[in-house]
N, C-alpha and C. Protein backbone atom coordinates (compact mmCIF):
# COMPACT_ATOMS: atom_id res chain seq x y z
N UNK A 1 272.77 -78.62 -71.30
CA UNK A 1 272.39 -77.54 -71.68
C UNK A 1 273.44 -76.29 -71.77
N UNK A 2 273.30 -75.27 -72.50
CA UNK A 2 273.91 -73.89 -72.35
C UNK A 2 272.40 -73.00 -73.38
N UNK A 3 273.18 -71.67 -72.88
CA UNK A 3 272.79 -70.85 -72.80
C UNK A 3 273.37 -70.53 -73.92
N UNK A 4 272.37 -69.26 -75.25
CA UNK A 4 272.34 -68.89 -76.00
C UNK A 4 272.58 -67.22 -76.22
N UNK A 5 273.09 -67.19 -76.79
CA UNK A 5 272.90 -65.64 -77.22
C UNK A 5 271.52 -65.32 -78.73
N UNK A 6 270.51 -64.59 -78.79
CA UNK A 6 269.09 -64.36 -79.39
C UNK A 6 269.27 -63.65 -80.25
N UNK A 7 267.84 -62.64 -80.69
CA UNK A 7 267.90 -61.37 -81.94
C UNK A 7 268.38 -60.52 -80.95
N UNK A 8 268.14 -60.19 -79.82
CA UNK A 8 268.30 -59.24 -78.14
C UNK A 8 269.38 -58.23 -78.74
N UNK A 9 270.57 -59.24 -79.30
CA UNK A 9 272.56 -58.76 -79.11
C UNK A 9 272.70 -57.63 -80.21
N UNK A 10 271.49 -58.23 -81.17
CA UNK A 10 271.51 -58.06 -82.45
C UNK A 10 271.70 -56.11 -82.76
N UNK A 11 273.11 -55.77 -82.78
CA UNK A 11 273.19 -53.95 -82.59
C UNK A 11 273.75 -53.00 -81.27
N UNK A 12 272.57 -54.47 -80.56
CA UNK A 12 272.74 -54.27 -79.09
C UNK A 12 274.51 -54.37 -78.97
N UNK A 13 274.72 -55.51 -78.77
CA UNK A 13 276.86 -55.90 -78.13
C UNK A 13 277.08 -55.33 -76.75
N UNK A 14 276.22 -55.30 -75.75
CA UNK A 14 276.52 -55.21 -74.30
C UNK A 14 277.13 -56.66 -74.65
N UNK A 15 277.94 -55.70 -73.58
CA UNK A 15 279.61 -57.04 -72.70
C UNK A 15 280.04 -57.61 -71.75
N UNK A 16 278.69 -56.84 -71.26
CA UNK A 16 278.33 -57.21 -69.64
C UNK A 16 278.86 -58.50 -69.41
N UNK A 17 278.50 -59.75 -70.43
CA UNK A 17 278.20 -61.08 -70.50
C UNK A 17 279.26 -61.91 -70.02
N UNK A 18 280.30 -61.03 -71.62
CA UNK A 18 281.60 -61.35 -71.44
C UNK A 18 283.08 -61.43 -70.63
N UNK A 19 282.41 -60.35 -70.01
CA UNK A 19 284.02 -60.04 -68.24
C UNK A 19 283.11 -60.93 -67.27
N UNK A 20 282.78 -61.87 -67.42
CA UNK A 20 281.44 -62.47 -65.64
C UNK A 20 281.55 -64.24 -66.32
N UNK A 21 281.79 -63.83 -67.60
CA UNK A 21 281.54 -66.01 -68.01
C UNK A 21 283.03 -67.11 -67.53
N UNK A 22 283.10 -67.90 -67.07
CA UNK A 22 284.32 -68.65 -66.39
C UNK A 22 284.52 -69.51 -67.68
N UNK A 23 284.23 -70.07 -68.88
CA UNK A 23 285.61 -70.52 -69.19
C UNK A 23 285.39 -69.32 -70.14
N UNK A 24 285.23 -67.99 -70.65
CA UNK A 24 285.70 -67.60 -71.75
C UNK A 24 284.45 -67.99 -73.39
N UNK A 25 283.88 -68.71 -73.13
CA UNK A 25 282.99 -69.08 -74.49
C UNK A 25 282.52 -67.89 -75.58
N UNK A 26 282.47 -67.20 -75.08
CA UNK A 26 281.81 -65.63 -75.99
C UNK A 26 282.61 -65.87 -77.19
N UNK A 27 281.74 -65.25 -78.43
CA UNK A 27 282.53 -65.09 -79.68
C UNK A 27 282.35 -64.16 -80.46
N UNK A 28 282.75 -63.45 -80.86
CA UNK A 28 281.82 -61.23 -81.59
C UNK A 28 282.24 -61.55 -82.67
N UNK A 29 280.96 -61.51 -82.74
CA UNK A 29 280.93 -61.04 -85.01
C UNK A 29 280.65 -59.75 -84.20
N UNK A 30 280.68 -58.51 -86.05
CA UNK A 30 279.97 -57.94 -86.17
C UNK A 30 279.22 -56.40 -85.10
N UNK A 31 278.46 -57.43 -84.43
CA UNK A 31 276.76 -55.82 -84.53
C UNK A 31 276.50 -57.54 -83.86
N UNK A 32 276.58 -58.64 -83.05
CA UNK A 32 276.35 -59.86 -81.76
C UNK A 32 277.55 -60.35 -81.05
N UNK A 33 277.27 -61.42 -80.43
CA UNK A 33 278.30 -62.32 -79.93
C UNK A 33 277.38 -63.58 -79.81
N UNK A 34 278.06 -64.25 -79.91
CA UNK A 34 277.26 -66.02 -79.82
C UNK A 34 278.12 -66.87 -78.00
N UNK A 35 277.49 -67.55 -78.04
CA UNK A 35 277.61 -68.94 -77.30
C UNK A 35 278.71 -70.01 -77.89
N UNK A 36 279.78 -70.53 -77.54
CA UNK A 36 279.63 -71.45 -78.35
C UNK A 36 279.48 -72.48 -76.89
N UNK A 37 278.03 -73.38 -77.96
CA UNK A 37 277.35 -74.19 -76.16
C UNK A 37 278.28 -75.20 -76.46
N UNK A 38 279.27 -75.81 -76.81
CA UNK A 38 280.47 -77.44 -76.58
C UNK A 38 280.86 -76.70 -75.30
N UNK A 39 281.16 -75.25 -75.37
CA UNK A 39 281.79 -74.39 -73.75
C UNK A 39 281.49 -74.22 -73.30
N UNK A 40 280.22 -74.13 -73.38
CA UNK A 40 279.63 -73.34 -72.60
C UNK A 40 279.05 -74.31 -71.04
N UNK A 41 279.42 -73.33 -69.35
CA UNK A 41 279.41 -75.29 -68.77
C UNK A 41 277.98 -74.79 -67.79
N UNK A 42 277.27 -73.70 -68.23
CA UNK A 42 275.79 -73.56 -68.19
C UNK A 42 275.56 -72.99 -66.52
N UNK A 43 276.17 -72.15 -66.64
CA UNK A 43 276.85 -71.07 -64.62
C UNK A 43 275.89 -71.02 -64.64
N UNK A 44 275.38 -69.62 -65.90
CA UNK A 44 274.12 -68.94 -65.42
C UNK A 44 274.77 -67.52 -65.82
N UNK A 45 275.32 -67.34 -65.74
CA UNK A 45 275.46 -66.26 -64.79
C UNK A 45 276.19 -65.12 -65.68
N UNK A 46 276.20 -65.20 -66.93
CA UNK A 46 275.98 -64.48 -68.27
C UNK A 46 275.43 -64.14 -68.19
N UNK A 47 274.07 -65.06 -68.39
CA UNK A 47 271.59 -64.78 -68.17
C UNK A 47 271.73 -62.58 -67.55
N UNK A 48 271.44 -62.83 -65.90
CA UNK A 48 270.79 -61.70 -65.63
C UNK A 48 271.95 -60.10 -65.90
N UNK A 49 273.10 -60.85 -66.15
CA UNK A 49 274.27 -60.14 -67.22
C UNK A 49 273.68 -58.78 -68.22
N UNK A 50 273.12 -58.93 -69.19
CA UNK A 50 273.16 -58.69 -70.04
C UNK A 50 271.77 -58.32 -70.10
N UNK A 51 272.39 -56.86 -71.00
CA UNK A 51 271.51 -55.77 -70.39
C UNK A 51 269.97 -55.85 -71.55
N UNK A 52 270.25 -56.85 -71.68
CA UNK A 52 269.37 -56.97 -73.62
C UNK A 52 268.04 -57.74 -73.76
N UNK A 53 268.44 -58.37 -72.20
CA UNK A 53 267.48 -59.73 -71.37
C UNK A 53 267.82 -60.77 -73.36
N UNK A 54 269.65 -60.67 -73.77
CA UNK A 54 269.60 -61.39 -75.00
C UNK A 54 269.75 -63.13 -74.92
N UNK A 55 270.43 -62.98 -73.48
CA UNK A 55 270.91 -64.33 -73.13
C UNK A 55 269.80 -66.04 -72.79
N UNK A 56 269.72 -66.87 -72.78
CA UNK A 56 268.83 -67.03 -73.15
C UNK A 56 268.85 -69.01 -72.35
N UNK A 57 268.68 -69.85 -71.47
CA UNK A 57 269.35 -71.40 -71.74
C UNK A 57 268.02 -71.72 -73.14
N UNK A 58 268.88 -73.30 -73.13
CA UNK A 58 268.67 -73.10 -74.51
C UNK A 58 266.89 -74.61 -74.44
N UNK A 59 266.86 -74.48 -72.71
CA UNK A 59 265.41 -74.91 -72.73
C UNK A 59 264.34 -74.52 -73.17
N UNK A 60 264.34 -73.25 -73.07
CA UNK A 60 263.39 -71.98 -73.21
C UNK A 60 262.92 -73.33 -75.48
N UNK A 61 261.27 -73.15 -74.65
CA UNK A 61 260.82 -73.24 -76.13
C UNK A 61 262.04 -71.98 -77.40
N UNK A 62 261.23 -72.93 -78.67
CA UNK A 62 261.73 -72.22 -80.06
C UNK A 62 263.56 -71.46 -80.28
N UNK A 63 263.73 -72.45 -79.86
CA UNK A 63 266.14 -71.15 -80.03
C UNK A 63 266.46 -71.95 -80.65
N UNK A 64 266.38 -73.94 -81.47
CA UNK A 64 266.56 -74.55 -82.29
C UNK A 64 267.27 -73.34 -83.43
N UNK A 65 267.20 -72.90 -83.94
CA UNK A 65 267.32 -71.75 -84.46
C UNK A 65 268.28 -71.39 -84.08
N UNK A 66 268.10 -70.59 -82.67
CA UNK A 66 269.27 -69.38 -82.05
C UNK A 66 271.06 -70.77 -81.80
N UNK A 67 270.34 -72.17 -80.94
CA UNK A 67 270.96 -72.27 -80.82
C UNK A 67 272.10 -72.98 -82.18
N UNK A 68 271.50 -73.49 -83.25
CA UNK A 68 272.62 -73.53 -84.63
C UNK A 68 273.62 -72.38 -84.86
N UNK A 69 272.60 -71.48 -84.90
CA UNK A 69 272.67 -70.25 -85.22
C UNK A 69 274.59 -69.88 -84.51
N UNK A 70 274.48 -70.07 -83.58
CA UNK A 70 275.23 -70.09 -82.12
C UNK A 70 276.73 -70.72 -82.41
N UNK A 71 276.68 -72.12 -82.38
CA UNK A 71 277.34 -72.60 -82.72
C UNK A 71 277.50 -73.46 -84.11
N UNK A 72 277.05 -72.66 -84.42
CA UNK A 72 277.87 -71.95 -86.24
C UNK A 72 278.76 -71.24 -86.12
N UNK A 73 278.62 -70.14 -85.47
CA UNK A 73 279.52 -68.50 -85.48
C UNK A 73 280.16 -69.28 -84.77
N UNK A 74 280.41 -69.15 -83.28
CA UNK A 74 281.30 -69.80 -82.76
C UNK A 74 282.84 -69.80 -83.27
N UNK A 75 282.76 -70.89 -84.15
CA UNK A 75 283.16 -71.48 -84.87
C UNK A 75 284.43 -70.60 -86.22
N UNK A 76 283.40 -69.92 -86.44
CA UNK A 76 284.54 -68.52 -87.73
C UNK A 76 284.43 -67.49 -86.87
N UNK A 77 284.01 -66.75 -85.99
CA UNK A 77 284.25 -65.45 -85.42
C UNK A 77 285.38 -66.00 -84.40
N UNK A 78 285.97 -64.77 -83.36
CA UNK A 78 287.03 -64.23 -82.91
C UNK A 78 287.00 -64.11 -81.83
N UNK A 79 286.86 -65.45 -80.72
CA UNK A 79 286.85 -65.34 -79.13
C UNK A 79 287.06 -64.06 -78.25
N UNK A 80 286.10 -63.46 -78.06
CA UNK A 80 286.84 -62.39 -77.10
C UNK A 80 286.08 -62.39 -75.67
N UNK A 81 286.96 -62.34 -74.70
CA UNK A 81 286.71 -62.78 -73.49
C UNK A 81 286.73 -60.84 -72.37
N UNK A 82 287.88 -59.38 -73.25
CA UNK A 82 287.76 -58.51 -72.17
C UNK A 82 286.31 -57.25 -72.72
N UNK A 83 285.49 -56.61 -71.68
CA UNK A 83 284.26 -55.84 -72.19
C UNK A 83 284.18 -54.95 -72.05
N UNK A 84 283.55 -54.37 -74.25
CA UNK A 84 284.27 -53.13 -74.36
C UNK A 84 283.28 -52.65 -73.92
N UNK A 85 282.87 -51.20 -74.80
CA UNK A 85 282.06 -50.08 -74.93
C UNK A 85 281.06 -51.02 -75.70
N UNK A 86 279.51 -51.14 -75.27
CA UNK A 86 278.25 -51.68 -76.34
C UNK A 86 277.83 -50.48 -77.68
N UNK A 87 277.19 -50.77 -78.35
CA UNK A 87 277.14 -49.87 -79.80
C UNK A 87 276.03 -48.42 -79.61
N UNK A 88 277.55 -47.84 -80.23
CA UNK A 88 276.44 -45.49 -79.22
C UNK A 88 275.38 -46.02 -79.11
N UNK A 89 274.44 -46.85 -80.57
CA UNK A 89 273.26 -46.72 -79.71
C UNK A 89 272.21 -47.76 -79.97
N UNK A 90 272.88 -48.51 -79.01
CA UNK A 90 272.69 -49.66 -78.60
C UNK A 90 271.23 -49.76 -77.76
N UNK A 91 271.18 -48.52 -76.85
CA UNK A 91 269.75 -47.31 -76.18
C UNK A 91 268.08 -48.52 -77.14
N UNK A 92 269.12 -47.54 -78.62
CA UNK A 92 267.58 -47.12 -79.22
C UNK A 92 267.19 -49.41 -79.91
N UNK A 93 268.10 -49.74 -79.97
CA UNK A 93 268.05 -51.04 -80.76
C UNK A 93 267.43 -52.10 -79.68
N UNK A 94 268.45 -51.75 -78.10
CA UNK A 94 266.99 -52.62 -77.49
C UNK A 94 265.94 -53.05 -77.72
N UNK A 95 265.29 -54.79 -77.69
CA UNK A 95 264.31 -54.40 -77.56
C UNK A 95 263.20 -54.50 -78.91
N UNK A 96 263.86 -53.83 -79.73
CA UNK A 96 262.52 -54.07 -81.49
C UNK A 96 263.10 -55.26 -81.87
N UNK A 97 262.17 -55.07 -82.08
CA UNK A 97 261.43 -57.14 -82.80
C UNK A 97 262.53 -57.23 -84.24
N UNK A 98 262.70 -58.27 -85.01
CA UNK A 98 262.04 -59.11 -85.84
C UNK A 98 263.88 -58.59 -86.92
N UNK A 99 264.84 -58.40 -85.31
CA UNK A 99 266.39 -57.48 -85.91
C UNK A 99 266.78 -58.74 -86.76
N UNK A 100 266.95 -59.96 -86.33
CA UNK A 100 267.79 -60.49 -87.16
C UNK A 100 267.55 -60.54 -88.42
N UNK A 101 266.80 -60.81 -89.25
CA UNK A 101 266.20 -60.95 -90.46
C UNK A 101 266.59 -59.76 -91.14
N UNK A 102 266.47 -58.63 -90.05
CA UNK A 102 267.36 -57.34 -91.60
C UNK A 102 268.23 -57.02 -90.75
N UNK A 103 269.22 -57.39 -89.87
CA UNK A 103 270.19 -56.56 -89.70
C UNK A 103 271.52 -56.56 -88.75
N UNK A 104 270.71 -58.52 -88.89
CA UNK A 104 272.45 -59.69 -88.44
C UNK A 104 273.20 -59.49 -90.04
N UNK A 105 274.70 -59.48 -89.65
CA UNK A 105 275.49 -59.53 -89.93
C UNK A 105 276.45 -61.07 -90.19
N UNK A 106 276.58 -61.56 -90.35
CA UNK A 106 277.50 -63.22 -90.50
C UNK A 106 279.53 -62.55 -90.74
N UNK A 107 279.54 -61.64 -90.55
CA UNK A 107 280.68 -60.44 -90.64
C UNK A 107 281.82 -60.82 -89.10
N UNK A 108 282.51 -61.52 -89.20
CA UNK A 108 282.81 -61.32 -88.23
C UNK A 108 283.60 -60.17 -87.34
N UNK A 109 282.93 -59.93 -85.85
CA UNK A 109 284.11 -59.33 -85.31
C UNK A 109 285.67 -58.51 -84.48
N UNK A 110 286.11 -58.13 -84.04
CA UNK A 110 287.56 -57.93 -83.30
C UNK A 110 287.95 -58.88 -82.47
N UNK A 111 287.32 -59.59 -82.04
CA UNK A 111 287.39 -60.76 -80.71
C UNK A 111 288.55 -59.35 -79.88
N UNK A 112 289.41 -60.04 -79.33
CA UNK A 112 290.54 -59.51 -78.14
C UNK A 112 292.04 -59.18 -79.55
C-alpha cells in the first residue's frame, strides 16, 4: 500500500506533507505534488498534515487513476523535501470540484 495525492492538491499545493515525510517521496509539479508509490513506506504521517485533505491511502475506492498519475509524474517531476509557501490563492481553491479537468498542469515544479 502507498499514499497518493489526488485532485484536492491542484492549485493549492500545500507543502506541509513534504516536511514530515521520512523518505522524501514527494515530487513537485507546477500546481500540485505527487507521491512516488514505490518510495512511499505507508507510514501515513503525511495524510493528516494536508490542509486540503488531498492525500489518501491507495486502498480507498476510485483512486486507481490517481495512483497511476502519481507514479507517472514522480518519474518526471523533481523531488521536493523542503516546505515552501502554498499557492497565494490556495484557500480559494481548497475543496473546489473538477480541478483536474480544468487546471491540472503536467509541467514540472521547482523541486529543491
